[in-house]
N, C-alpha and C. Protein backbone atom coordinates (compact mmCIF):
# COMPACT_ATOMS: atom_id res chain seq x y z
N MET A 1 124.53 24.96 93.91
CA MET A 1 125.76 25.29 93.22
C MET A 1 126.84 25.63 94.25
N ASN A 2 127.99 24.95 94.16
CA ASN A 2 129.13 25.25 95.02
C ASN A 2 129.99 26.33 94.39
N LYS A 3 130.43 27.26 95.23
CA LYS A 3 131.29 28.36 94.77
C LYS A 3 132.66 28.22 95.41
N ILE A 4 133.69 28.28 94.58
CA ILE A 4 135.06 28.21 95.07
C ILE A 4 135.74 29.56 94.86
N LEU A 5 136.56 29.95 95.82
CA LEU A 5 137.25 31.24 95.81
C LEU A 5 138.75 31.01 95.84
N THR A 6 139.47 31.75 95.02
CA THR A 6 140.92 31.75 95.08
C THR A 6 141.43 33.19 95.00
N PHE A 7 142.57 33.45 95.63
CA PHE A 7 143.15 34.79 95.72
C PHE A 7 144.46 34.88 94.96
N GLY A 8 144.79 36.07 94.49
CA GLY A 8 146.09 36.28 93.88
C GLY A 8 146.23 37.66 93.28
N VAL A 9 147.44 37.95 92.81
CA VAL A 9 147.72 39.22 92.15
C VAL A 9 147.42 39.09 90.65
N TYR A 10 147.88 38.00 90.05
CA TYR A 10 147.64 37.70 88.63
C TYR A 10 148.11 38.80 87.71
N ASP A 11 149.28 39.37 88.04
CA ASP A 11 149.81 40.46 87.24
C ASP A 11 150.49 39.93 85.97
N TYR A 12 151.37 38.99 86.11
CA TYR A 12 152.02 38.36 84.97
C TYR A 12 151.28 37.05 84.73
N PHE A 13 150.12 37.14 84.09
CA PHE A 13 149.26 35.97 83.93
C PHE A 13 149.98 34.91 83.11
N HIS A 14 149.93 33.65 83.59
CA HIS A 14 150.65 32.57 82.93
C HIS A 14 149.89 31.25 83.03
N LEU A 15 150.45 30.22 82.42
CA LEU A 15 149.83 28.91 82.37
C LEU A 15 149.54 28.34 83.76
N GLY A 16 150.40 28.63 84.72
CA GLY A 16 150.17 28.17 86.09
C GLY A 16 148.87 28.71 86.66
N HIS A 17 148.55 29.96 86.37
CA HIS A 17 147.29 30.55 86.83
C HIS A 17 146.11 29.83 86.18
N LEU A 18 146.20 29.63 84.88
CA LEU A 18 145.11 28.95 84.18
C LEU A 18 144.89 27.55 84.74
N ARG A 19 145.97 26.83 84.99
CA ARG A 19 145.85 25.48 85.56
C ARG A 19 145.27 25.51 86.97
N LEU A 20 145.61 26.54 87.73
CA LEU A 20 145.02 26.71 89.06
C LEU A 20 143.51 26.85 88.95
N PHE A 21 143.06 27.69 88.03
CA PHE A 21 141.62 27.91 87.85
C PHE A 21 140.92 26.61 87.42
N LYS A 22 141.57 25.84 86.55
CA LYS A 22 140.99 24.57 86.13
C LYS A 22 140.91 23.58 87.30
N GLN A 23 141.92 23.58 88.16
CA GLN A 23 141.88 22.74 89.37
C GLN A 23 140.71 23.15 90.26
N CYS A 24 140.51 24.45 90.39
CA CYS A 24 139.41 24.97 91.21
C CYS A 24 138.07 24.43 90.71
N LYS A 25 137.89 24.43 89.41
CA LYS A 25 136.62 24.00 88.82
C LYS A 25 136.34 22.51 89.04
N LYS A 26 137.36 21.74 89.41
CA LYS A 26 137.15 20.32 89.74
C LYS A 26 136.49 20.18 91.11
N HIS A 27 136.53 21.25 91.91
CA HIS A 27 135.98 21.22 93.27
C HIS A 27 134.63 21.93 93.38
N ALA A 28 134.27 22.71 92.37
CA ALA A 28 133.03 23.50 92.45
C ALA A 28 132.56 23.88 91.05
N ASP A 29 131.30 24.32 91.00
CA ASP A 29 130.68 24.71 89.73
C ASP A 29 131.01 26.15 89.34
N TYR A 30 131.30 26.98 90.32
CA TYR A 30 131.38 28.43 90.11
C TYR A 30 132.70 28.92 90.69
N LEU A 31 133.51 29.59 89.87
CA LEU A 31 134.82 30.06 90.30
C LEU A 31 134.84 31.57 90.49
N ILE A 32 135.19 31.98 91.70
CA ILE A 32 135.38 33.40 92.02
C ILE A 32 136.88 33.62 92.17
N VAL A 33 137.42 34.54 91.38
CA VAL A 33 138.83 34.89 91.47
C VAL A 33 138.93 36.27 92.12
N ALA A 34 139.66 36.33 93.22
CA ALA A 34 139.88 37.60 93.91
C ALA A 34 141.25 38.14 93.49
N VAL A 35 141.26 39.37 93.00
CA VAL A 35 142.46 40.04 92.50
C VAL A 35 142.89 41.10 93.50
N GLN A 36 144.16 41.07 93.88
CA GLN A 36 144.63 42.05 94.86
C GLN A 36 144.77 43.43 94.22
N ASP A 37 144.28 44.42 94.93
CA ASP A 37 144.28 45.81 94.48
C ASP A 37 145.71 46.36 94.37
N SER A 38 146.03 46.98 93.26
CA SER A 38 147.37 47.54 93.02
C SER A 38 147.77 48.56 94.07
N ASN A 39 146.85 49.42 94.47
CA ASN A 39 147.18 50.44 95.47
C ASN A 39 147.60 49.80 96.79
N TYR A 40 146.93 48.71 97.17
CA TYR A 40 147.28 48.01 98.40
C TYR A 40 148.67 47.39 98.27
N ILE A 41 148.95 46.77 97.13
CA ILE A 41 150.26 46.16 96.90
C ILE A 41 151.35 47.21 97.06
N LEU A 42 151.19 48.35 96.38
CA LEU A 42 152.22 49.38 96.39
C LEU A 42 152.33 50.09 97.74
N LYS A 43 151.26 50.08 98.51
CA LYS A 43 151.30 50.67 99.85
C LYS A 43 152.28 49.91 100.74
N TYR A 44 152.27 48.58 100.63
CA TYR A 44 153.11 47.74 101.49
C TYR A 44 154.39 47.27 100.82
N LYS A 45 154.45 47.36 99.49
CA LYS A 45 155.65 47.00 98.74
C LYS A 45 155.89 48.07 97.68
N PRO A 46 156.33 49.26 98.10
CA PRO A 46 156.48 50.36 97.14
C PRO A 46 157.46 50.06 96.01
N GLU A 47 158.36 49.10 96.22
CA GLU A 47 159.34 48.74 95.18
C GLU A 47 158.77 47.75 94.17
N ALA A 48 157.57 47.26 94.40
CA ALA A 48 156.96 46.27 93.52
C ALA A 48 156.75 46.84 92.11
N LYS A 49 157.00 46.01 91.13
CA LYS A 49 156.77 46.38 89.74
C LYS A 49 155.45 45.75 89.30
N VAL A 50 154.39 46.53 89.29
CA VAL A 50 153.07 46.04 88.88
C VAL A 50 152.88 46.38 87.41
N LEU A 51 152.76 45.35 86.60
CA LEU A 51 152.67 45.52 85.15
C LEU A 51 151.31 46.08 84.73
N TYR A 52 150.23 45.46 85.24
CA TYR A 52 148.87 45.85 84.87
C TYR A 52 148.14 46.48 86.05
N SER A 53 147.29 47.43 85.77
CA SER A 53 146.47 48.04 86.82
C SER A 53 145.47 47.01 87.33
N THR A 54 144.85 47.30 88.42
CA THR A 54 143.82 46.42 88.96
C THR A 54 142.73 46.20 87.92
N GLU A 55 142.29 47.27 87.29
CA GLU A 55 141.21 47.19 86.30
C GLU A 55 141.60 46.32 85.11
N GLU A 56 142.85 46.43 84.67
CA GLU A 56 143.31 45.64 83.54
C GLU A 56 143.38 44.15 83.90
N ARG A 57 143.84 43.84 85.11
CA ARG A 57 143.89 42.44 85.55
C ARG A 57 142.49 41.87 85.68
N VAL A 58 141.56 42.66 86.16
CA VAL A 58 140.16 42.21 86.25
C VAL A 58 139.63 41.92 84.85
N GLU A 59 139.92 42.79 83.90
CA GLU A 59 139.46 42.59 82.53
C GLU A 59 140.01 41.30 81.93
N ILE A 60 141.29 41.04 82.14
CA ILE A 60 141.92 39.82 81.63
C ILE A 60 141.23 38.59 82.21
N LEU A 61 141.02 38.58 83.52
CA LEU A 61 140.43 37.42 84.18
C LEU A 61 138.97 37.21 83.80
N LYS A 62 138.23 38.30 83.65
CA LYS A 62 136.82 38.18 83.26
C LYS A 62 136.67 37.59 81.86
N ALA A 63 137.70 37.74 81.03
CA ALA A 63 137.65 37.22 79.66
C ALA A 63 137.84 35.71 79.59
N LEU A 64 138.28 35.11 80.68
CA LEU A 64 138.53 33.66 80.70
C LEU A 64 137.23 32.89 80.91
N ARG A 65 137.00 31.92 80.08
CA ARG A 65 135.79 31.10 80.16
C ARG A 65 135.68 30.36 81.49
N VAL A 66 136.80 29.96 82.07
CA VAL A 66 136.80 29.18 83.30
C VAL A 66 136.42 30.02 84.53
N VAL A 67 136.56 31.34 84.44
CA VAL A 67 136.28 32.25 85.56
C VAL A 67 134.84 32.74 85.47
N ASP A 68 134.11 32.61 86.59
CA ASP A 68 132.71 33.04 86.61
C ASP A 68 132.52 34.43 87.19
N GLU A 69 133.41 34.83 88.09
CA GLU A 69 133.27 36.12 88.76
C GLU A 69 134.65 36.59 89.21
N VAL A 70 134.87 37.89 89.16
CA VAL A 70 136.12 38.48 89.62
C VAL A 70 135.78 39.56 90.64
N VAL A 71 136.47 39.53 91.78
CA VAL A 71 136.31 40.55 92.81
C VAL A 71 137.69 41.11 93.13
N VAL A 72 137.72 42.30 93.70
CA VAL A 72 138.98 42.94 94.09
C VAL A 72 139.06 42.93 95.62
N TYR A 73 140.25 42.65 96.13
CA TYR A 73 140.45 42.63 97.58
C TYR A 73 141.74 43.36 97.95
N ASP A 74 141.85 43.71 99.23
CA ASP A 74 143.08 44.33 99.72
C ASP A 74 144.02 43.26 100.27
N SER A 75 143.62 42.62 101.37
CA SER A 75 144.48 41.62 101.99
C SER A 75 143.71 40.33 102.22
N VAL A 76 144.42 39.22 102.24
CA VAL A 76 143.82 37.93 102.55
C VAL A 76 143.58 37.92 104.06
N SER A 77 142.31 38.02 104.45
CA SER A 77 141.98 38.10 105.87
C SER A 77 140.55 37.64 106.10
N PRO A 78 140.22 37.29 107.34
CA PRO A 78 138.82 36.93 107.64
C PRO A 78 137.85 38.05 107.26
N GLU A 79 138.26 39.30 107.44
CA GLU A 79 137.39 40.43 107.10
C GLU A 79 137.06 40.46 105.60
N THR A 80 138.02 40.10 104.80
CA THR A 80 137.79 40.03 103.35
C THR A 80 136.86 38.88 103.02
N LEU A 81 137.10 37.73 103.63
CA LEU A 81 136.27 36.55 103.36
C LEU A 81 134.80 36.79 103.71
N GLU A 82 134.55 37.55 104.77
CA GLU A 82 133.17 37.83 105.19
C GLU A 82 132.37 38.53 104.11
N LYS A 83 133.04 39.24 103.22
CA LYS A 83 132.36 40.03 102.19
C LYS A 83 132.06 39.24 100.92
N ILE A 84 132.55 37.99 100.82
CA ILE A 84 132.43 37.21 99.59
C ILE A 84 131.59 35.97 99.85
N ASP A 85 130.63 35.70 98.98
CA ASP A 85 129.77 34.53 99.09
C ASP A 85 130.45 33.34 98.41
N PHE A 86 130.99 32.41 99.20
CA PHE A 86 131.66 31.24 98.66
C PHE A 86 131.47 30.05 99.61
N ASP A 87 131.75 28.85 99.10
CA ASP A 87 131.64 27.62 99.89
C ASP A 87 132.99 26.98 100.16
N ILE A 88 133.91 27.14 99.22
CA ILE A 88 135.22 26.49 99.30
C ILE A 88 136.30 27.53 99.03
N LEU A 89 137.36 27.50 99.83
CA LEU A 89 138.50 28.38 99.63
C LEU A 89 139.65 27.54 99.09
N ALA A 90 140.19 27.94 97.95
CA ALA A 90 141.34 27.25 97.35
C ALA A 90 142.61 28.00 97.71
N LEU A 91 143.50 27.32 98.40
CA LEU A 91 144.80 27.89 98.76
C LEU A 91 145.89 27.09 98.06
N GLY A 92 146.98 27.76 97.77
CA GLY A 92 148.13 27.07 97.20
C GLY A 92 148.87 26.30 98.27
N GLU A 93 149.66 25.34 97.85
CA GLU A 93 150.40 24.53 98.81
C GLU A 93 151.41 25.36 99.60
N ASP A 94 151.77 26.53 99.07
CA ASP A 94 152.72 27.42 99.75
C ASP A 94 152.04 28.46 100.64
N HIS A 95 150.73 28.46 100.70
CA HIS A 95 149.99 29.42 101.54
C HIS A 95 149.82 28.85 102.94
N VAL A 96 150.85 29.04 103.76
CA VAL A 96 150.84 28.48 105.11
C VAL A 96 151.28 29.53 106.13
N GLY A 97 150.78 29.35 107.34
CA GLY A 97 151.18 30.22 108.44
C GLY A 97 150.56 31.60 108.39
N GLY A 98 150.76 32.34 109.46
CA GLY A 98 150.32 33.73 109.55
C GLY A 98 148.89 33.97 109.14
N ARG A 99 148.72 34.86 108.17
CA ARG A 99 147.37 35.23 107.73
C ARG A 99 146.60 34.05 107.16
N PHE A 100 147.30 33.08 106.59
CA PHE A 100 146.61 31.91 106.02
C PHE A 100 146.05 31.02 107.12
N THR A 101 146.73 30.94 108.25
CA THR A 101 146.19 30.19 109.40
C THR A 101 144.92 30.87 109.89
N ALA A 102 144.94 32.19 109.97
CA ALA A 102 143.75 32.94 110.40
C ALA A 102 142.59 32.73 109.45
N VAL A 103 142.88 32.70 108.16
CA VAL A 103 141.85 32.49 107.14
C VAL A 103 141.29 31.07 107.24
N GLU A 104 142.15 30.09 107.43
CA GLU A 104 141.70 28.70 107.56
C GLU A 104 140.84 28.54 108.82
N ASP A 105 141.24 29.17 109.91
CA ASP A 105 140.45 29.13 111.15
C ASP A 105 139.07 29.73 110.93
N TRP A 106 139.03 30.87 110.22
CA TRP A 106 137.75 31.53 109.93
C TRP A 106 136.87 30.59 109.11
N CYS A 107 137.44 29.95 108.11
CA CYS A 107 136.67 29.03 107.27
C CYS A 107 136.10 27.89 108.11
N ALA A 108 136.90 27.32 108.99
CA ALA A 108 136.45 26.21 109.83
C ALA A 108 135.27 26.65 110.71
N LYS A 109 135.36 27.84 111.27
CA LYS A 109 134.30 28.36 112.16
C LYS A 109 133.03 28.72 111.40
N ASN A 110 133.16 28.98 110.09
CA ASN A 110 132.02 29.44 109.30
C ASN A 110 131.53 28.42 108.27
N GLY A 111 131.92 27.18 108.46
CA GLY A 111 131.42 26.11 107.60
C GLY A 111 131.91 26.13 106.17
N LYS A 112 133.08 26.69 105.96
CA LYS A 112 133.67 26.75 104.62
C LYS A 112 134.77 25.70 104.51
N LYS A 113 134.80 25.01 103.40
CA LYS A 113 135.82 23.99 103.15
C LYS A 113 137.07 24.68 102.61
N VAL A 114 138.25 24.13 102.93
CA VAL A 114 139.51 24.63 102.39
C VAL A 114 140.17 23.49 101.61
N VAL A 115 140.57 23.77 100.39
CA VAL A 115 141.32 22.79 99.60
C VAL A 115 142.70 23.37 99.28
N ARG A 116 143.68 22.50 99.25
CA ARG A 116 145.06 22.88 98.89
C ARG A 116 145.33 22.41 97.48
N LEU A 117 145.77 23.31 96.63
CA LEU A 117 146.02 22.99 95.24
C LEU A 117 147.51 23.06 94.91
N LYS A 118 147.93 22.21 94.02
CA LYS A 118 149.34 22.12 93.61
C LYS A 118 149.70 23.25 92.65
N ARG A 119 150.93 23.69 92.78
CA ARG A 119 151.48 24.67 91.85
C ARG A 119 151.93 23.95 90.58
N THR A 120 152.00 24.69 89.49
CA THR A 120 152.57 24.17 88.25
C THR A 120 154.08 24.32 88.36
N LEU A 121 154.79 23.20 88.35
CA LEU A 121 156.24 23.24 88.50
C LEU A 121 156.91 24.03 87.39
N GLY A 122 157.90 24.82 87.77
CA GLY A 122 158.69 25.55 86.79
C GLY A 122 158.08 26.84 86.28
N ILE A 123 156.88 27.18 86.75
CA ILE A 123 156.23 28.42 86.29
C ILE A 123 155.83 29.26 87.51
N CYS A 124 156.34 30.48 87.57
CA CYS A 124 155.90 31.40 88.62
C CYS A 124 156.12 32.83 88.15
N SER A 125 155.31 33.72 88.66
CA SER A 125 155.37 35.12 88.24
C SER A 125 156.73 35.75 88.55
N SER A 126 157.30 35.44 89.72
CA SER A 126 158.59 36.04 90.07
C SER A 126 159.68 35.57 89.11
N GLY A 127 159.61 34.32 88.66
CA GLY A 127 160.57 33.82 87.67
C GLY A 127 160.42 34.52 86.34
N ILE A 128 159.18 34.76 85.94
CA ILE A 128 158.92 35.48 84.69
C ILE A 128 159.46 36.90 84.78
N LYS A 129 159.23 37.58 85.92
CA LYS A 129 159.75 38.94 86.10
C LYS A 129 161.27 38.97 85.99
N LYS A 130 161.94 37.98 86.63
CA LYS A 130 163.41 37.93 86.58
C LYS A 130 163.90 37.76 85.15
N GLU A 131 163.26 36.87 84.41
CA GLU A 131 163.65 36.63 83.01
C GLU A 131 163.47 37.89 82.16
N LEU A 132 162.38 38.59 82.38
CA LEU A 132 162.11 39.80 81.60
C LEU A 132 163.11 40.91 81.91
N THR A 133 163.49 41.05 83.16
CA THR A 133 164.43 42.11 83.52
C THR A 133 165.86 41.74 83.10
N LYS A 134 166.16 40.44 82.99
CA LYS A 134 167.46 39.99 82.53
C LYS A 134 167.69 40.39 81.08
N ASN A 135 166.64 40.28 80.29
CA ASN A 135 166.74 40.56 78.86
C ASN A 135 166.57 42.04 78.63
């Protein structure tokens, strides 16, 4: 059984997230979704508006049929990857440079495949937040 891992906040859950998970399942049998911890987000972005707690976001994701496992993480890093049993890492097309280069290098050195997945055009959490605050 191949296991695929994807990372995100998933605070304003939307159709783009669901489509991402479905894309992941085309590459593997088992989907692990890593949810970023709210405390970590607020530590580095104190102005961030987090709608749901970490526990609530985990509950939402666990309820999805397409998701097989949910884990909580602090930062996208090789140290985080070492703690998770997976075969394939799914990154978005916008996940480039910096920490993502380090993560891709770690995957290459540890026999993990990396796949790049397309975003759903016209749907993003930051856009949803802007629309909600406008109204």
